[in-house]
Amino acid sequence: MPPGQRRRRLLHIPLFRLLAINLALGLGMAVVLVGGLLALDPFGLRHLIFSDRSPGVAIGLLLGSFFVTFGSTAMGTAIMALGRGDDDDEPRGGTRVHARVKVRRR
């Protein structure tokens, strides 16, 4: 089976498609955050990174760590939200009863 056909088969699996989309969203969030950190330059971070001999390593490590963090968070949130339906917005539990409490003055 050719590799292109294998990829198309994987995209037809709903769970794989859900995870791939959310992993891509996590990558986008990581790129935006690293770009924002480099643009805003908090505490001289951009100057520190670009004054090194190999700034690509520092940017790669920063981007990779944010990618793992945000990608796994987005995928985990998507999996946790799978069980929720549209009718789950109403409150659950019993009826509310006001409790009377006697308080003594000193």
N, C-alpha and C. Protein backbone atom coordinates (compact mmCIF):
# COMPACT_ATOMS: atom_id res chain seq x y z
N MET A 1 0.84 -1.17 0.00
CA MET A 1 0.00 0.00 0.00
C MET A 1 0.90 1.24 0.00
N PRO A 2 0.67 2.20 -0.92
CA PRO A 2 1.49 3.42 -0.98
C PRO A 2 1.30 4.28 0.27
N PRO A 3 2.34 5.05 0.63
CA PRO A 3 2.25 5.88 1.84
C PRO A 3 1.13 6.92 1.80
N GLY A 4 0.83 7.49 0.64
CA GLY A 4 -0.23 8.49 0.55
C GLY A 4 -1.59 7.90 0.88
N GLN A 5 -1.80 6.67 0.45
CA GLN A 5 -3.08 6.01 0.74
C GLN A 5 -3.18 5.65 2.22
N ARG A 6 -2.04 5.31 2.82
CA ARG A 6 -2.01 4.98 4.25
C ARG A 6 -2.37 6.20 5.08
N ARG A 7 -1.87 7.40 4.68
CA ARG A 7 -2.20 8.62 5.40
C ARG A 7 -3.69 8.94 5.29
N ARG A 8 -4.24 8.75 4.11
CA ARG A 8 -5.67 9.02 3.93
C ARG A 8 -6.50 8.09 4.79
N ARG A 9 -6.05 6.87 4.95
CA ARG A 9 -6.77 5.93 5.82
C ARG A 9 -6.72 6.39 7.26
N LEU A 10 -5.56 6.89 7.69
CA LEU A 10 -5.44 7.36 9.07
C LEU A 10 -6.36 8.55 9.34
N LEU A 11 -6.52 9.42 8.35
CA LEU A 11 -7.36 10.60 8.55
C LEU A 11 -8.85 10.25 8.59
N HIS A 12 -9.20 9.04 8.20
CA HIS A 12 -10.60 8.62 8.29
C HIS A 12 -10.95 8.07 9.67
N ILE A 13 -9.96 7.84 10.50
CA ILE A 13 -10.20 7.38 11.86
C ILE A 13 -10.50 8.62 12.71
N PRO A 14 -11.71 8.71 13.30
CA PRO A 14 -12.10 9.95 14.00
C PRO A 14 -11.20 10.31 15.18
N LEU A 15 -10.78 9.34 15.97
CA LEU A 15 -9.94 9.65 17.13
C LEU A 15 -8.57 10.17 16.69
N PHE A 16 -8.00 9.55 15.67
CA PHE A 16 -6.70 10.01 15.17
C PHE A 16 -6.82 11.42 14.60
N ARG A 17 -7.90 11.69 13.86
CA ARG A 17 -8.12 13.01 13.29
C ARG A 17 -8.28 14.05 14.40
N LEU A 18 -9.02 13.70 15.46
CA LEU A 18 -9.21 14.60 16.60
C LEU A 18 -7.87 14.93 17.26
N LEU A 19 -7.05 13.91 17.47
CA LEU A 19 -5.75 14.13 18.11
C LEU A 19 -4.81 14.93 17.21
N ALA A 20 -4.83 14.65 15.91
CA ALA A 20 -3.96 15.38 14.99
C ALA A 20 -4.34 16.86 14.91
N ILE A 21 -5.62 17.14 14.88
CA ILE A 21 -6.07 18.54 14.81
C ILE A 21 -5.67 19.28 16.08
N ASN A 22 -5.86 18.65 17.24
CA ASN A 22 -5.51 19.32 18.49
C ASN A 22 -4.01 19.42 18.70
N LEU A 23 -3.25 18.47 18.17
CA LEU A 23 -1.80 18.59 18.22
C LEU A 23 -1.34 19.76 17.36
N ALA A 24 -1.97 19.95 16.21
CA ALA A 24 -1.64 21.09 15.35
C ALA A 24 -2.01 22.41 16.04
N LEU A 25 -3.13 22.43 16.75
CA LEU A 25 -3.49 23.63 17.51
C LEU A 25 -2.46 23.92 18.60
N GLY A 26 -1.97 22.87 19.26
CA GLY A 26 -0.93 23.05 20.27
C GLY A 26 0.35 23.59 19.66
N LEU A 27 0.70 23.12 18.45
CA LEU A 27 1.88 23.63 17.77
C LEU A 27 1.69 25.11 17.42
N GLY A 28 0.50 25.46 16.97
CA GLY A 28 0.23 26.87 16.66
C GLY A 28 0.34 27.75 17.89
N MET A 29 -0.19 27.27 19.01
CA MET A 29 -0.09 28.05 20.25
C MET A 29 1.36 28.20 20.69
N ALA A 30 2.16 27.14 20.51
CA ALA A 30 3.57 27.21 20.90
C ALA A 30 4.33 28.21 20.03
N VAL A 31 4.05 28.21 18.73
CA VAL A 31 4.72 29.15 17.83
C VAL A 31 4.33 30.58 18.17
N VAL A 32 3.06 30.81 18.46
CA VAL A 32 2.60 32.16 18.83
C VAL A 32 3.26 32.61 20.14
N LEU A 33 3.36 31.71 21.12
CA LEU A 33 3.96 32.08 22.40
C LEU A 33 5.45 32.37 22.26
N VAL A 34 6.18 31.53 21.54
CA VAL A 34 7.61 31.78 21.36
C VAL A 34 7.83 33.06 20.56
N GLY A 35 7.02 33.27 19.53
CA GLY A 35 7.11 34.52 18.77
C GLY A 35 6.81 35.73 19.63
N GLY A 36 5.81 35.59 20.51
CA GLY A 36 5.48 36.69 21.41
C GLY A 36 6.60 36.95 22.42
N LEU A 37 7.21 35.89 22.91
CA LEU A 37 8.33 36.07 23.84
C LEU A 37 9.51 36.75 23.15
N LEU A 38 9.78 36.38 21.91
CA LEU A 38 10.88 37.02 21.19
C LEU A 38 10.53 38.46 20.82
N ALA A 39 9.26 38.74 20.53
CA ALA A 39 8.87 40.10 20.15
C ALA A 39 8.85 41.03 21.36
N LEU A 40 8.34 40.54 22.49
CA LEU A 40 8.23 41.40 23.68
C LEU A 40 9.54 41.52 24.45
N ASP A 41 10.42 40.54 24.31
CA ASP A 41 11.74 40.54 24.95
C ASP A 41 11.67 40.75 26.46
N PRO A 42 10.94 39.88 27.20
CA PRO A 42 10.90 40.05 28.65
C PRO A 42 12.24 39.68 29.29
N PHE A 43 12.70 40.54 30.16
CA PHE A 43 13.95 40.34 30.90
C PHE A 43 15.15 40.13 29.97
N GLY A 44 15.09 40.67 28.77
CA GLY A 44 16.21 40.55 27.83
C GLY A 44 16.38 39.17 27.25
N LEU A 45 15.31 38.39 27.15
CA LEU A 45 15.40 37.01 26.67
C LEU A 45 15.85 36.95 25.21
N ARG A 46 15.30 37.82 24.36
CA ARG A 46 15.68 37.83 22.94
C ARG A 46 17.16 38.16 22.79
N HIS A 47 17.63 39.15 23.54
CA HIS A 47 19.05 39.52 23.48
C HIS A 47 19.92 38.37 23.95
N LEU A 48 19.49 37.69 25.00
CA LEU A 48 20.25 36.56 25.53
C LEU A 48 20.33 35.42 24.51
N ILE A 49 19.22 35.13 23.84
CA ILE A 49 19.20 34.04 22.87
C ILE A 49 20.05 34.37 21.65
N PHE A 50 19.87 35.58 21.09
CA PHE A 50 20.55 35.91 19.85
C PHE A 50 22.01 36.33 20.05
N SER A 51 22.46 36.53 21.27
CA SER A 51 23.88 36.83 21.50
C SER A 51 24.71 35.56 21.61
N ASP A 52 24.06 34.41 21.63
CA ASP A 52 24.75 33.13 21.67
C ASP A 52 25.27 32.77 20.28
N ARG A 53 26.24 31.84 20.23
CA ARG A 53 26.79 31.42 18.93
C ARG A 53 25.79 30.62 18.12
N SER A 54 24.90 29.88 18.79
CA SER A 54 23.91 29.06 18.08
C SER A 54 22.52 29.33 18.67
N PRO A 55 21.87 30.39 18.22
CA PRO A 55 20.55 30.71 18.77
C PRO A 55 19.47 29.72 18.34
N GLY A 56 19.72 28.99 17.27
CA GLY A 56 18.74 28.01 16.80
C GLY A 56 18.49 26.90 17.81
N VAL A 57 19.52 26.53 18.55
CA VAL A 57 19.36 25.48 19.56
C VAL A 57 18.45 25.97 20.68
N ALA A 58 18.67 27.18 21.14
CA ALA A 58 17.84 27.73 22.23
C ALA A 58 16.40 27.90 21.78
N ILE A 59 16.20 28.41 20.57
CA ILE A 59 14.84 28.59 20.06
C ILE A 59 14.18 27.23 19.84
N GLY A 60 14.94 26.26 19.34
CA GLY A 60 14.40 24.91 19.14
C GLY A 60 13.98 24.26 20.44
N LEU A 61 14.80 24.40 21.47
CA LEU A 61 14.45 23.83 22.78
C LEU A 61 13.23 24.52 23.38
N LEU A 62 13.19 25.84 23.26
CA LEU A 62 12.05 26.59 23.78
C LEU A 62 10.77 26.23 23.03
N LEU A 63 10.86 26.16 21.72
CA LEU A 63 9.70 25.80 20.90
C LEU A 63 9.28 24.36 21.15
N GLY A 64 10.25 23.46 21.26
CA GLY A 64 9.93 22.06 21.51
C GLY A 64 9.25 21.84 22.85
N SER A 65 9.72 22.52 23.88
CA SER A 65 9.11 22.34 25.20
C SER A 65 7.70 22.91 25.24
N PHE A 66 7.49 24.06 24.60
CA PHE A 66 6.14 24.61 24.53
C PHE A 66 5.23 23.76 23.66
N PHE A 67 5.79 23.16 22.60
CA PHE A 67 5.01 22.29 21.72
C PHE A 67 4.52 21.06 22.48
N VAL A 68 5.40 20.45 23.25
CA VAL A 68 5.00 19.27 24.04
C VAL A 68 3.95 19.66 25.07
N THR A 69 4.15 20.79 25.73
CA THR A 69 3.22 21.22 26.77
C THR A 69 1.85 21.56 26.19
N PHE A 70 1.81 22.43 25.20
CA PHE A 70 0.52 22.86 24.66
C PHE A 70 -0.13 21.79 23.80
N GLY A 71 0.66 21.00 23.09
CA GLY A 71 0.09 19.92 22.29
C GLY A 71 -0.57 18.87 23.15
N SER A 72 0.10 18.46 24.23
CA SER A 72 -0.50 17.46 25.10
C SER A 72 -1.69 18.02 25.87
N THR A 73 -1.65 19.30 26.21
CA THR A 73 -2.80 19.92 26.89
C THR A 73 -4.01 19.99 25.97
N ALA A 74 -3.80 20.38 24.72
CA ALA A 74 -4.91 20.46 23.77
C ALA A 74 -5.48 19.07 23.48
N MET A 75 -4.61 18.07 23.32
CA MET A 75 -5.09 16.71 23.06
C MET A 75 -5.82 16.15 24.27
N GLY A 76 -5.29 16.38 25.45
CA GLY A 76 -5.95 15.90 26.66
C GLY A 76 -7.30 16.55 26.89
N THR A 77 -7.38 17.84 26.63
CA THR A 77 -8.66 18.54 26.77
C THR A 77 -9.68 18.00 25.78
N ALA A 78 -9.25 17.71 24.56
CA ALA A 78 -10.17 17.16 23.56
C ALA A 78 -10.68 15.78 23.97
N ILE A 79 -9.81 14.97 24.53
CA ILE A 79 -10.22 13.62 24.95
C ILE A 79 -11.16 13.71 26.15
N MET A 80 -10.87 14.60 27.08
CA MET A 80 -11.74 14.74 28.26
C MET A 80 -13.12 15.26 27.87
N ALA A 81 -13.20 16.05 26.81
CA ALA A 81 -14.47 16.62 26.40
C ALA A 81 -15.28 15.68 25.51
N LEU A 82 -14.76 14.52 25.18
CA LEU A 82 -15.49 13.59 24.31
C LEU A 82 -16.80 13.12 24.92
N GLY A 83 -16.86 12.90 26.21
CA GLY A 83 -18.05 12.37 26.84
C GLY A 83 -19.15 13.38 27.06
N ARG A 84 -18.86 14.64 26.87
CA ARG A 84 -19.87 15.69 27.09
C ARG A 84 -20.82 15.77 25.93
N GLY A 85 -22.09 15.83 26.23
CA GLY A 85 -23.09 16.04 25.20
C GLY A 85 -23.62 17.45 25.27
N ASP A 86 -24.56 17.76 24.40
CA ASP A 86 -25.15 19.10 24.41
C ASP A 86 -26.09 19.31 25.58
N ASP A 87 -26.64 18.23 26.13
CA ASP A 87 -27.61 18.36 27.20
C ASP A 87 -26.97 18.32 28.59
N ASP A 88 -25.65 18.39 28.67
CA ASP A 88 -24.97 18.32 29.96
C ASP A 88 -24.82 19.67 30.64
N ASP A 89 -25.46 20.71 30.13
CA ASP A 89 -25.28 22.05 30.70
C ASP A 89 -26.16 22.33 31.91
N GLU A 90 -27.16 21.53 32.14
CA GLU A 90 -28.06 21.77 33.26
C GLU A 90 -27.44 21.30 34.57
N PRO A 91 -27.77 21.94 35.68
CA PRO A 91 -27.19 21.53 36.96
C PRO A 91 -27.69 20.16 37.40
N ARG A 92 -26.84 19.47 38.11
CA ARG A 92 -27.19 18.14 38.59
C ARG A 92 -27.33 18.18 40.10
N GLY A 93 -27.85 17.14 40.66
CA GLY A 93 -27.95 17.03 42.10
C GLY A 93 -29.38 17.18 42.57
N GLY A 94 -29.54 17.22 43.86
CA GLY A 94 -30.87 17.31 44.45
C GLY A 94 -31.38 18.73 44.52
N THR A 95 -32.41 18.91 45.30
CA THR A 95 -32.99 20.24 45.46
C THR A 95 -32.26 20.98 46.56
N ARG A 96 -32.29 22.29 46.48
CA ARG A 96 -31.62 23.09 47.50
C ARG A 96 -32.57 23.35 48.66
N VAL A 97 -32.07 23.17 49.84
CA VAL A 97 -32.84 23.41 51.05
C VAL A 97 -32.04 24.37 51.91
N HIS A 98 -32.69 25.43 52.36
CA HIS A 98 -32.00 26.38 53.23
C HIS A 98 -31.88 25.79 54.63
N ALA A 99 -30.70 25.83 55.16
CA ALA A 99 -30.47 25.29 56.50
C ALA A 99 -30.56 26.42 57.51
N ARG A 100 -31.23 26.16 58.61
CA ARG A 100 -31.31 27.15 59.69
C ARG A 100 -30.26 26.80 60.73
N VAL A 101 -29.48 27.80 61.05
CA VAL A 101 -28.41 27.60 62.02
C VAL A 101 -28.60 28.60 63.14
N LYS A 102 -28.59 28.12 64.36
CA LYS A 102 -28.69 29.01 65.51
C LYS A 102 -27.30 29.47 65.91
N VAL A 103 -27.17 30.76 66.12
CA VAL A 103 -25.90 31.34 66.50
C VAL A 103 -26.10 32.08 67.80
N ARG A 104 -25.24 31.78 68.77
CA ARG A 104 -25.32 32.46 70.07
C ARG A 104 -24.45 33.70 70.07
N ARG A 105 -24.97 34.76 70.68
CA ARG A 105 -24.18 35.98 70.81
C ARG A 105 -23.33 35.87 72.06
N ARG A 106 -22.23 36.55 72.06
CA ARG A 106 -21.36 36.57 73.24
C ARG A 106 -21.68 37.71 74.11
